[in-house]
Amino acid sequence: MPVYFKGNYMTSARVSYGVLSRDNMNLGFSLGYGNTLDTMGYRLLNPDPETMMLAGADLTILRNNLEHRFEVLGGKWLGSDTYALFYRFGINLDSEGRLKVEAQPAYWRTAGEDDYQLSFCFSVLATSNLTVRLAYTYDHLSDENMVVMQLYYYRPVTFRSKNQ
């Protein structure tokens, strides 16, 4: 007998091989499953949760001052077959990797519609925990041009033993 959960939930897992700072590459596989809401921004499009089942693979390769990031995703989302492809090409402008220029095409197909986005980005590692990213993005389906500023704050996770 199947078990059904009411409400929204999502679980995901990712396994990977390789350490970027040591091997200059990382290969990962991910799975996601859950009951999610269909939203756009802060607007709820459908009050009933829909099943999401996705699997993906990603590959990152670093060579000299160049970065290549590939991702592929497939499965069911919002009741439709969904596929996505993503590539990010980056050039580190300084030897420490604090300044970066990136080009980022993305393509996906969901609910029988194809869409793609083209982005050009500039990012600065402001501190060891804070990255500022400014991006210009063109979305084909909506024919929108956007300028987006993103702030990424990374907080280190530390574990202490009982003896400390």
N, C-alpha and C. Protein backbone atom coordinates (compact mmCIF):
# COMPACT_ATOMS: atom_id res chain seq x y z
N MET A 1 0.84 -1.18 0.00
CA MET A 1 0.00 0.00 0.00
C MET A 1 0.89 1.24 0.00
N PRO A 2 0.69 2.16 -0.97
CA PRO A 2 1.54 3.36 -1.03
C PRO A 2 1.27 4.28 0.15
N VAL A 3 2.30 5.02 0.53
CA VAL A 3 2.19 6.00 1.60
C VAL A 3 2.09 7.38 0.97
N TYR A 4 1.10 8.16 1.35
CA TYR A 4 0.92 9.49 0.83
C TYR A 4 1.08 10.49 1.95
N PHE A 5 1.77 11.58 1.65
CA PHE A 5 1.96 12.65 2.61
C PHE A 5 1.14 13.83 2.16
N LYS A 6 0.48 14.49 3.06
CA LYS A 6 -0.26 15.70 2.75
C LYS A 6 0.67 16.89 2.95
N GLY A 7 0.45 17.94 2.16
CA GLY A 7 1.24 19.15 2.32
C GLY A 7 2.45 19.16 1.41
N ASN A 8 3.33 20.12 1.68
CA ASN A 8 4.53 20.32 0.88
C ASN A 8 5.72 19.66 1.56
N TYR A 9 6.51 18.98 0.79
CA TYR A 9 7.75 18.40 1.29
C TYR A 9 8.66 18.17 0.09
N MET A 10 9.90 18.12 0.34
CA MET A 10 10.85 17.83 -0.71
C MET A 10 12.09 17.23 -0.08
N THR A 11 12.66 16.24 -0.73
CA THR A 11 13.91 15.66 -0.27
C THR A 11 14.83 15.55 -1.47
N SER A 12 16.11 15.68 -1.22
CA SER A 12 17.07 15.57 -2.32
C SER A 12 18.37 14.98 -1.79
N ALA A 13 19.16 14.44 -2.70
CA ALA A 13 20.46 13.88 -2.34
C ALA A 13 21.41 14.11 -3.50
N ARG A 14 22.68 14.28 -3.18
CA ARG A 14 23.71 14.46 -4.19
C ARG A 14 24.96 13.72 -3.76
N VAL A 15 25.58 13.02 -4.67
CA VAL A 15 26.87 12.38 -4.44
C VAL A 15 27.81 12.92 -5.51
N SER A 16 29.09 13.04 -5.14
CA SER A 16 30.03 13.57 -6.11
C SER A 16 31.40 12.93 -5.94
N TYR A 17 32.20 13.08 -6.98
CA TYR A 17 33.56 12.57 -6.99
C TYR A 17 34.47 13.71 -7.41
N GLY A 18 35.55 13.90 -6.69
CA GLY A 18 36.53 14.93 -7.02
C GLY A 18 36.38 16.15 -6.14
N VAL A 19 37.50 16.79 -5.86
CA VAL A 19 37.54 18.00 -5.04
C VAL A 19 38.10 19.10 -5.93
N LEU A 20 37.32 20.17 -6.14
CA LEU A 20 37.74 21.22 -7.06
C LEU A 20 39.10 21.80 -6.71
N SER A 21 39.33 22.09 -5.43
CA SER A 21 40.58 22.73 -5.03
C SER A 21 41.78 21.80 -5.13
N ARG A 22 41.54 20.50 -5.23
CA ARG A 22 42.65 19.54 -5.33
C ARG A 22 42.74 18.92 -6.72
N ASP A 23 41.62 18.47 -7.26
CA ASP A 23 41.61 17.72 -8.52
C ASP A 23 41.28 18.58 -9.74
N ASN A 24 40.82 19.81 -9.52
CA ASN A 24 40.37 20.69 -10.61
C ASN A 24 39.19 20.12 -11.38
N MET A 25 38.44 19.22 -10.77
CA MET A 25 37.23 18.68 -11.38
C MET A 25 36.31 18.13 -10.30
N ASN A 26 35.04 18.07 -10.64
CA ASN A 26 34.04 17.48 -9.77
C ASN A 26 32.92 16.94 -10.64
N LEU A 27 32.51 15.70 -10.39
CA LEU A 27 31.42 15.06 -11.11
C LEU A 27 30.37 14.68 -10.08
N GLY A 28 29.13 15.08 -10.31
CA GLY A 28 28.09 14.81 -9.33
C GLY A 28 26.81 14.27 -9.94
N PHE A 29 26.07 13.54 -9.13
CA PHE A 29 24.76 13.01 -9.50
C PHE A 29 23.78 13.39 -8.40
N SER A 30 22.56 13.77 -8.78
CA SER A 30 21.58 14.20 -7.78
C SER A 30 20.21 13.65 -8.10
N LEU A 31 19.42 13.49 -7.05
CA LEU A 31 18.03 13.05 -7.14
C LEU A 31 17.18 13.96 -6.27
N GLY A 32 15.97 14.22 -6.71
CA GLY A 32 15.04 15.00 -5.91
C GLY A 32 13.64 14.45 -6.04
N TYR A 33 12.90 14.47 -4.93
CA TYR A 33 11.52 13.99 -4.94
C TYR A 33 10.74 14.80 -3.93
N GLY A 34 9.52 15.13 -4.28
CA GLY A 34 8.71 15.85 -3.31
C GLY A 34 7.39 16.31 -3.86
N ASN A 35 6.71 17.04 -3.04
CA ASN A 35 5.41 17.61 -3.31
C ASN A 35 5.59 19.12 -3.20
N THR A 36 5.64 19.84 -4.32
CA THR A 36 5.99 21.26 -4.28
C THR A 36 4.87 22.12 -4.85
N LEU A 37 4.89 23.38 -4.49
CA LEU A 37 3.92 24.35 -4.98
C LEU A 37 4.43 25.00 -6.25
N ASP A 38 3.51 25.39 -7.12
CA ASP A 38 3.84 26.11 -8.34
C ASP A 38 3.73 27.59 -8.04
N THR A 39 4.87 28.25 -8.04
CA THR A 39 4.90 29.69 -7.73
C THR A 39 5.64 30.44 -8.81
N MET A 40 5.40 31.73 -8.87
CA MET A 40 6.18 32.63 -9.70
C MET A 40 6.48 33.84 -8.84
N GLY A 41 7.75 33.96 -8.46
CA GLY A 41 8.10 35.01 -7.50
C GLY A 41 7.42 34.70 -6.18
N TYR A 42 6.64 35.64 -5.69
CA TYR A 42 5.91 35.44 -4.43
C TYR A 42 4.44 35.08 -4.68
N ARG A 43 4.06 34.87 -5.94
CA ARG A 43 2.67 34.59 -6.28
C ARG A 43 2.45 33.09 -6.43
N LEU A 44 1.47 32.58 -5.73
CA LEU A 44 1.10 31.17 -5.79
C LEU A 44 0.21 30.96 -7.01
N LEU A 45 0.67 30.11 -7.95
CA LEU A 45 -0.10 29.88 -9.18
C LEU A 45 -1.13 28.78 -9.02
N ASN A 46 -0.84 27.79 -8.15
CA ASN A 46 -1.75 26.69 -7.92
C ASN A 46 -1.67 26.31 -6.44
N PRO A 47 -2.78 26.32 -5.70
CA PRO A 47 -2.72 26.03 -4.26
C PRO A 47 -2.50 24.54 -3.95
N ASP A 48 -2.66 23.67 -4.95
CA ASP A 48 -2.47 22.24 -4.71
C ASP A 48 -1.05 21.82 -5.05
N PRO A 49 -0.36 21.17 -4.12
CA PRO A 49 1.00 20.72 -4.40
C PRO A 49 1.04 19.70 -5.54
N GLU A 50 2.10 19.75 -6.33
CA GLU A 50 2.32 18.84 -7.46
C GLU A 50 3.56 18.00 -7.18
N THR A 51 3.57 16.78 -7.72
CA THR A 51 4.71 15.90 -7.52
C THR A 51 5.90 16.33 -8.38
N MET A 52 7.09 16.27 -7.78
CA MET A 52 8.33 16.58 -8.46
C MET A 52 9.26 15.38 -8.30
N MET A 53 9.74 14.82 -9.43
CA MET A 53 10.73 13.73 -9.43
C MET A 53 11.77 14.07 -10.47
N LEU A 54 12.98 14.42 -10.03
CA LEU A 54 14.03 14.85 -10.96
C LEU A 54 15.34 14.14 -10.66
N ALA A 55 16.12 13.91 -11.70
CA ALA A 55 17.47 13.37 -11.57
C ALA A 55 18.39 14.25 -12.40
N GLY A 56 19.61 14.41 -11.92
CA GLY A 56 20.54 15.27 -12.64
C GLY A 56 21.97 14.82 -12.52
N ALA A 57 22.80 15.36 -13.39
CA ALA A 57 24.24 15.13 -13.36
C ALA A 57 24.93 16.45 -13.64
N ASP A 58 26.08 16.66 -13.01
CA ASP A 58 26.83 17.89 -13.23
C ASP A 58 28.32 17.58 -13.29
N LEU A 59 29.03 18.41 -14.01
CA LEU A 59 30.47 18.27 -14.16
C LEU A 59 31.10 19.65 -14.15
N THR A 60 32.12 19.84 -13.34
CA THR A 60 32.87 21.09 -13.29
C THR A 60 34.33 20.77 -13.58
N ILE A 61 34.91 21.54 -14.46
CA ILE A 61 36.32 21.38 -14.82
C ILE A 61 37.00 22.75 -14.72
N LEU A 62 38.10 22.80 -13.98
CA LEU A 62 38.89 24.02 -13.87
C LEU A 62 40.22 23.77 -14.57
N ARG A 63 40.61 24.72 -15.40
CA ARG A 63 41.91 24.61 -16.09
C ARG A 63 42.47 26.01 -16.27
N ASN A 64 43.66 26.22 -15.71
CA ASN A 64 44.29 27.54 -15.72
C ASN A 64 43.30 28.56 -15.15
N ASN A 65 42.95 29.58 -15.89
CA ASN A 65 41.99 30.57 -15.37
C ASN A 65 40.59 30.38 -15.95
N LEU A 66 40.31 29.19 -16.52
CA LEU A 66 39.02 28.91 -17.14
C LEU A 66 38.19 27.94 -16.30
N GLU A 67 36.89 28.17 -16.26
CA GLU A 67 35.95 27.28 -15.56
C GLU A 67 34.88 26.83 -16.54
N HIS A 68 34.58 25.54 -16.51
CA HIS A 68 33.49 24.98 -17.31
C HIS A 68 32.56 24.23 -16.35
N ARG A 69 31.28 24.56 -16.39
CA ARG A 69 30.29 23.89 -15.53
C ARG A 69 29.13 23.43 -16.42
N PHE A 70 28.88 22.13 -16.40
CA PHE A 70 27.82 21.52 -17.20
C PHE A 70 26.80 20.88 -16.26
N GLU A 71 25.51 20.99 -16.59
CA GLU A 71 24.47 20.30 -15.83
C GLU A 71 23.39 19.81 -16.79
N VAL A 72 22.84 18.64 -16.48
CA VAL A 72 21.71 18.10 -17.22
C VAL A 72 20.70 17.59 -16.19
N LEU A 73 19.43 17.76 -16.47
CA LEU A 73 18.38 17.43 -15.51
C LEU A 73 17.20 16.85 -16.27
N GLY A 74 16.52 15.87 -15.71
CA GLY A 74 15.34 15.30 -16.35
C GLY A 74 14.42 14.67 -15.33
N GLY A 75 13.14 14.58 -15.69
CA GLY A 75 12.17 13.95 -14.81
C GLY A 75 10.79 14.56 -14.99
N LYS A 76 10.01 14.54 -13.90
CA LYS A 76 8.65 15.11 -13.89
C LYS A 76 8.61 16.28 -12.92
N TRP A 77 7.97 17.37 -13.38
CA TRP A 77 7.80 18.54 -12.52
C TRP A 77 6.49 19.20 -12.92
N LEU A 78 5.65 19.49 -11.94
CA LEU A 78 4.34 20.10 -12.16
C LEU A 78 3.51 19.31 -13.16
N GLY A 79 3.60 17.97 -13.07
CA GLY A 79 2.79 17.08 -13.89
C GLY A 79 3.25 16.93 -15.33
N SER A 80 4.43 17.43 -15.67
CA SER A 80 4.93 17.35 -17.06
C SER A 80 6.34 16.80 -17.10
N ASP A 81 6.67 16.19 -18.25
CA ASP A 81 8.06 15.82 -18.47
C ASP A 81 8.90 17.09 -18.54
N THR A 82 10.05 17.07 -17.88
CA THR A 82 10.90 18.24 -17.80
C THR A 82 12.34 17.84 -18.10
N TYR A 83 13.00 18.64 -18.93
CA TYR A 83 14.41 18.43 -19.26
C TYR A 83 15.10 19.78 -19.24
N ALA A 84 16.34 19.80 -18.80
CA ALA A 84 17.09 21.05 -18.78
C ALA A 84 18.56 20.78 -19.04
N LEU A 85 19.19 21.71 -19.75
CA LEU A 85 20.63 21.70 -20.00
C LEU A 85 21.19 23.06 -19.62
N PHE A 86 22.36 23.07 -19.03
CA PHE A 86 22.95 24.29 -18.52
C PHE A 86 24.46 24.23 -18.73
N TYR A 87 25.04 25.34 -19.13
CA TYR A 87 26.50 25.43 -19.26
C TYR A 87 26.94 26.80 -18.78
N ARG A 88 27.98 26.85 -18.01
CA ARG A 88 28.53 28.13 -17.57
C ARG A 88 30.03 28.13 -17.88
N PHE A 89 30.45 29.12 -18.63
CA PHE A 89 31.86 29.29 -18.97
C PHE A 89 32.36 30.53 -18.26
N GLY A 90 33.41 30.39 -17.47
CA GLY A 90 33.93 31.52 -16.73
C GLY A 90 35.41 31.73 -16.96
N ILE A 91 35.81 33.00 -16.91
CA ILE A 91 37.21 33.37 -17.01
C ILE A 91 37.57 34.15 -15.75
N ASN A 92 38.52 33.62 -14.97
CA ASN A 92 39.02 34.33 -13.80
C ASN A 92 39.98 35.40 -14.28
N LEU A 93 39.72 36.65 -13.91
CA LEU A 93 40.51 37.77 -14.40
C LEU A 93 41.74 38.06 -13.55
N ASP A 94 41.82 37.47 -12.38
CA ASP A 94 43.00 37.64 -11.54
C ASP A 94 43.47 36.27 -11.04
N SER A 95 44.68 36.22 -10.55
CA SER A 95 45.26 34.93 -10.15
C SER A 95 44.59 34.31 -8.93
N GLU A 96 43.93 35.12 -8.10
CA GLU A 96 43.26 34.60 -6.90
C GLU A 96 41.83 34.14 -7.16
N GLY A 97 41.29 34.41 -8.33
CA GLY A 97 39.92 34.01 -8.65
C GLY A 97 38.87 34.90 -8.00
N ARG A 98 39.23 36.14 -7.66
CA ARG A 98 38.29 37.06 -7.01
C ARG A 98 37.40 37.79 -8.02
N LEU A 99 37.88 37.99 -9.24
CA LEU A 99 37.12 38.66 -10.29
C LEU A 99 36.86 37.67 -11.41
N LYS A 100 35.61 37.59 -11.85
CA LYS A 100 35.26 36.59 -12.84
C LYS A 100 34.22 37.14 -13.82
N VAL A 101 34.39 36.79 -15.10
CA VAL A 101 33.40 37.08 -16.14
C VAL A 101 32.87 35.74 -16.61
N GLU A 102 31.53 35.65 -16.79
CA GLU A 102 30.91 34.37 -17.16
C GLU A 102 29.88 34.56 -18.26
N ALA A 103 29.73 33.54 -19.08
CA ALA A 103 28.64 33.43 -20.05
C ALA A 103 27.86 32.17 -19.67
N GLN A 104 26.53 32.26 -19.72
CA GLN A 104 25.72 31.16 -19.18
C GLN A 104 24.47 30.94 -20.03
N PRO A 105 24.52 30.01 -20.99
CA PRO A 105 23.28 29.64 -21.68
C PRO A 105 22.57 28.51 -20.92
N ALA A 106 21.25 28.54 -20.92
CA ALA A 106 20.44 27.49 -20.27
C ALA A 106 19.23 27.21 -21.17
N TYR A 107 18.88 25.92 -21.29
CA TYR A 107 17.74 25.50 -22.09
C TYR A 107 16.90 24.55 -21.26
N TRP A 108 15.58 24.64 -21.34
CA TRP A 108 14.72 23.66 -20.68
C TRP A 108 13.43 23.48 -21.46
N ARG A 109 12.84 22.32 -21.25
CA ARG A 109 11.55 21.98 -21.85
C ARG A 109 10.67 21.45 -20.73
N THR A 110 9.54 22.09 -20.53
CA THR A 110 8.57 21.64 -19.54
C THR A 110 7.17 22.00 -20.04
N ALA A 111 6.22 21.14 -19.75
CA ALA A 111 4.83 21.32 -20.18
C ALA A 111 4.75 21.54 -21.69
N GLY A 112 5.63 20.87 -22.45
CA GLY A 112 5.60 20.97 -23.90
C GLY A 112 6.14 22.26 -24.47
N GLU A 113 6.69 23.14 -23.63
CA GLU A 113 7.23 24.41 -24.11
C GLU A 113 8.75 24.42 -23.97
N ASP A 114 9.40 24.95 -24.99
CA ASP A 114 10.84 25.13 -24.96
C ASP A 114 11.16 26.55 -24.55
N ASP A 115 12.22 26.71 -23.80
CA ASP A 115 12.67 28.05 -23.42
C ASP A 115 14.17 28.02 -23.27
N TYR A 116 14.78 29.18 -23.41
CA TYR A 116 16.20 29.31 -23.12
C TYR A 116 16.48 30.69 -22.57
N GLN A 117 17.57 30.78 -21.84
CA GLN A 117 18.06 32.04 -21.31
C GLN A 117 19.52 32.18 -21.67
N LEU A 118 19.94 33.40 -21.92
CA LEU A 118 21.34 33.73 -22.14
C LEU A 118 21.73 34.77 -21.10
N SER A 119 22.80 34.50 -20.38
CA SER A 119 23.25 35.42 -19.34
C SER A 119 24.73 35.73 -19.49
N PHE A 120 25.08 36.95 -19.16
CA PHE A 120 26.46 37.39 -19.08
C PHE A 120 26.64 38.01 -17.71
N CYS A 121 27.66 37.55 -16.98
CA CYS A 121 27.78 37.90 -15.58
C CYS A 121 29.18 38.39 -15.24
N PHE A 122 29.24 39.22 -14.23
CA PHE A 122 30.50 39.66 -13.64
C PHE A 122 30.37 39.44 -12.14
N SER A 123 31.34 38.75 -11.54
CA SER A 123 31.26 38.51 -10.10
C SER A 123 32.55 38.89 -9.42
N VAL A 124 32.41 39.29 -8.17
CA VAL A 124 33.53 39.71 -7.32
C VAL A 124 33.42 38.98 -5.99
N LEU A 125 34.49 38.34 -5.59
CA LEU A 125 34.56 37.74 -4.26
C LEU A 125 34.97 38.87 -3.31
N ALA A 126 33.99 39.48 -2.64
CA ALA A 126 34.23 40.65 -1.80
C ALA A 126 34.99 40.28 -0.53
N THR A 127 34.57 39.21 0.12
CA THR A 127 35.27 38.67 1.30
C THR A 127 35.30 37.16 1.13
N SER A 128 35.90 36.47 2.08
CA SER A 128 35.94 35.01 1.97
C SER A 128 34.54 34.40 2.08
N ASN A 129 33.57 35.15 2.60
CA ASN A 129 32.20 34.65 2.77
C ASN A 129 31.18 35.28 1.84
N LEU A 130 31.53 36.36 1.15
CA LEU A 130 30.54 37.13 0.38
C LEU A 130 30.98 37.28 -1.08
N THR A 131 30.08 36.87 -1.99
CA THR A 131 30.29 37.07 -3.42
C THR A 131 29.17 37.96 -3.95
N VAL A 132 29.52 38.96 -4.75
CA VAL A 132 28.56 39.86 -5.39
C VAL A 132 28.58 39.54 -6.88
N ARG A 133 27.41 39.33 -7.45
CA ARG A 133 27.29 38.93 -8.86
C ARG A 133 26.29 39.84 -9.55
N LEU A 134 26.69 40.42 -10.68
CA LEU A 134 25.82 41.26 -11.49
C LEU A 134 25.65 40.56 -12.83
N ALA A 135 24.37 40.35 -13.24
CA ALA A 135 24.11 39.58 -14.45
C ALA A 135 23.11 40.30 -15.34
N TYR A 136 23.35 40.21 -16.65
CA TYR A 136 22.36 40.58 -17.65
C TYR A 136 21.81 39.27 -18.20
N THR A 137 20.48 39.12 -18.23
CA THR A 137 19.85 37.88 -18.71
C THR A 137 18.76 38.20 -19.71
N TYR A 138 18.76 37.45 -20.80
CA TYR A 138 17.68 37.51 -21.78
C TYR A 138 16.91 36.21 -21.70
N ASP A 139 15.58 36.28 -21.55
CA ASP A 139 14.71 35.11 -21.52
C ASP A 139 13.90 35.07 -22.82
N HIS A 140 14.06 33.98 -23.57
CA HIS A 140 13.42 33.85 -24.89
C HIS A 140 11.89 33.81 -24.82
N LEU A 141 11.33 32.96 -23.95
CA LEU A 141 9.88 32.75 -23.92
C LEU A 141 9.13 34.03 -23.55
N SER A 142 9.61 34.74 -22.54
CA SER A 142 8.93 35.97 -22.13
C SER A 142 9.45 37.20 -22.88
N ASP A 143 10.52 37.03 -23.67
CA ASP A 143 11.18 38.12 -24.39
C ASP A 143 11.55 39.26 -23.44
N GLU A 144 12.05 38.88 -22.25
CA GLU A 144 12.44 39.87 -21.25
C GLU A 144 13.95 40.00 -21.18
N ASN A 145 14.39 41.22 -20.91
CA ASN A 145 15.78 41.53 -20.62
C ASN A 145 15.84 41.94 -19.16
N MET A 146 16.72 41.32 -18.40
CA MET A 146 16.79 41.59 -16.97
C MET A 146 18.22 41.89 -16.55
N VAL A 147 18.37 42.75 -15.58
CA VAL A 147 19.65 42.95 -14.90
C VAL A 147 19.41 42.53 -13.46
N VAL A 148 20.22 41.59 -13.00
CA VAL A 148 20.01 41.01 -11.67
C VAL A 148 21.29 41.14 -10.87
N MET A 149 21.16 41.57 -9.63
CA MET A 149 22.30 41.57 -8.72
C MET A 149 22.03 40.52 -7.65
N GLN A 150 23.01 39.65 -7.42
CA GLN A 150 22.87 38.59 -6.43
C GLN A 150 23.98 38.71 -5.40
N LEU A 151 23.62 38.45 -4.16
CA LEU A 151 24.59 38.40 -3.07
C LEU A 151 24.59 36.98 -2.53
N TYR A 152 25.76 36.35 -2.50
CA TYR A 152 25.91 35.01 -1.96
C TYR A 152 26.74 35.11 -0.69
N TYR A 153 26.14 34.74 0.43
CA TYR A 153 26.86 34.75 1.70
C TYR A 153 27.02 33.30 2.16
N TYR A 154 28.24 32.91 2.36
CA TYR A 154 28.55 31.54 2.77
C TYR A 154 29.00 31.58 4.22
N ARG A 155 28.33 30.81 5.04
CA ARG A 155 28.70 30.73 6.44
C ARG A 155 29.32 29.36 6.69
N PRO A 156 30.53 29.33 7.23
CA PRO A 156 31.17 28.04 7.48
C PRO A 156 30.40 27.23 8.52
N VAL A 157 30.34 25.94 8.31
CA VAL A 157 29.71 25.02 9.25
C VAL A 157 30.83 24.33 10.02
N THR A 158 30.78 24.45 11.33
CA THR A 158 31.81 23.80 12.15
C THR A 158 31.14 22.89 13.17
N PHE A 159 31.80 21.83 13.48
CA PHE A 159 31.30 20.87 14.46
C PHE A 159 32.30 20.82 15.61
N ARG A 160 31.79 20.80 16.81
CA ARG A 160 32.64 20.72 17.99
C ARG A 160 32.41 19.40 18.70
N SER A 161 33.48 18.87 19.19
CA SER A 161 33.33 17.65 19.97
C SER A 161 32.88 17.99 21.39
N LYS A 162 32.43 17.03 22.12
CA LYS A 162 31.95 17.26 23.49
C LYS A 162 33.07 17.73 24.41
N ASN A 163 34.32 17.43 24.06
CA ASN A 163 35.45 17.79 24.91
C ASN A 163 35.85 19.25 24.77
N GLN A 164 35.33 19.97 23.85
CA GLN A 164 35.74 21.38 23.66
C GLN A 164 34.84 22.32 24.40
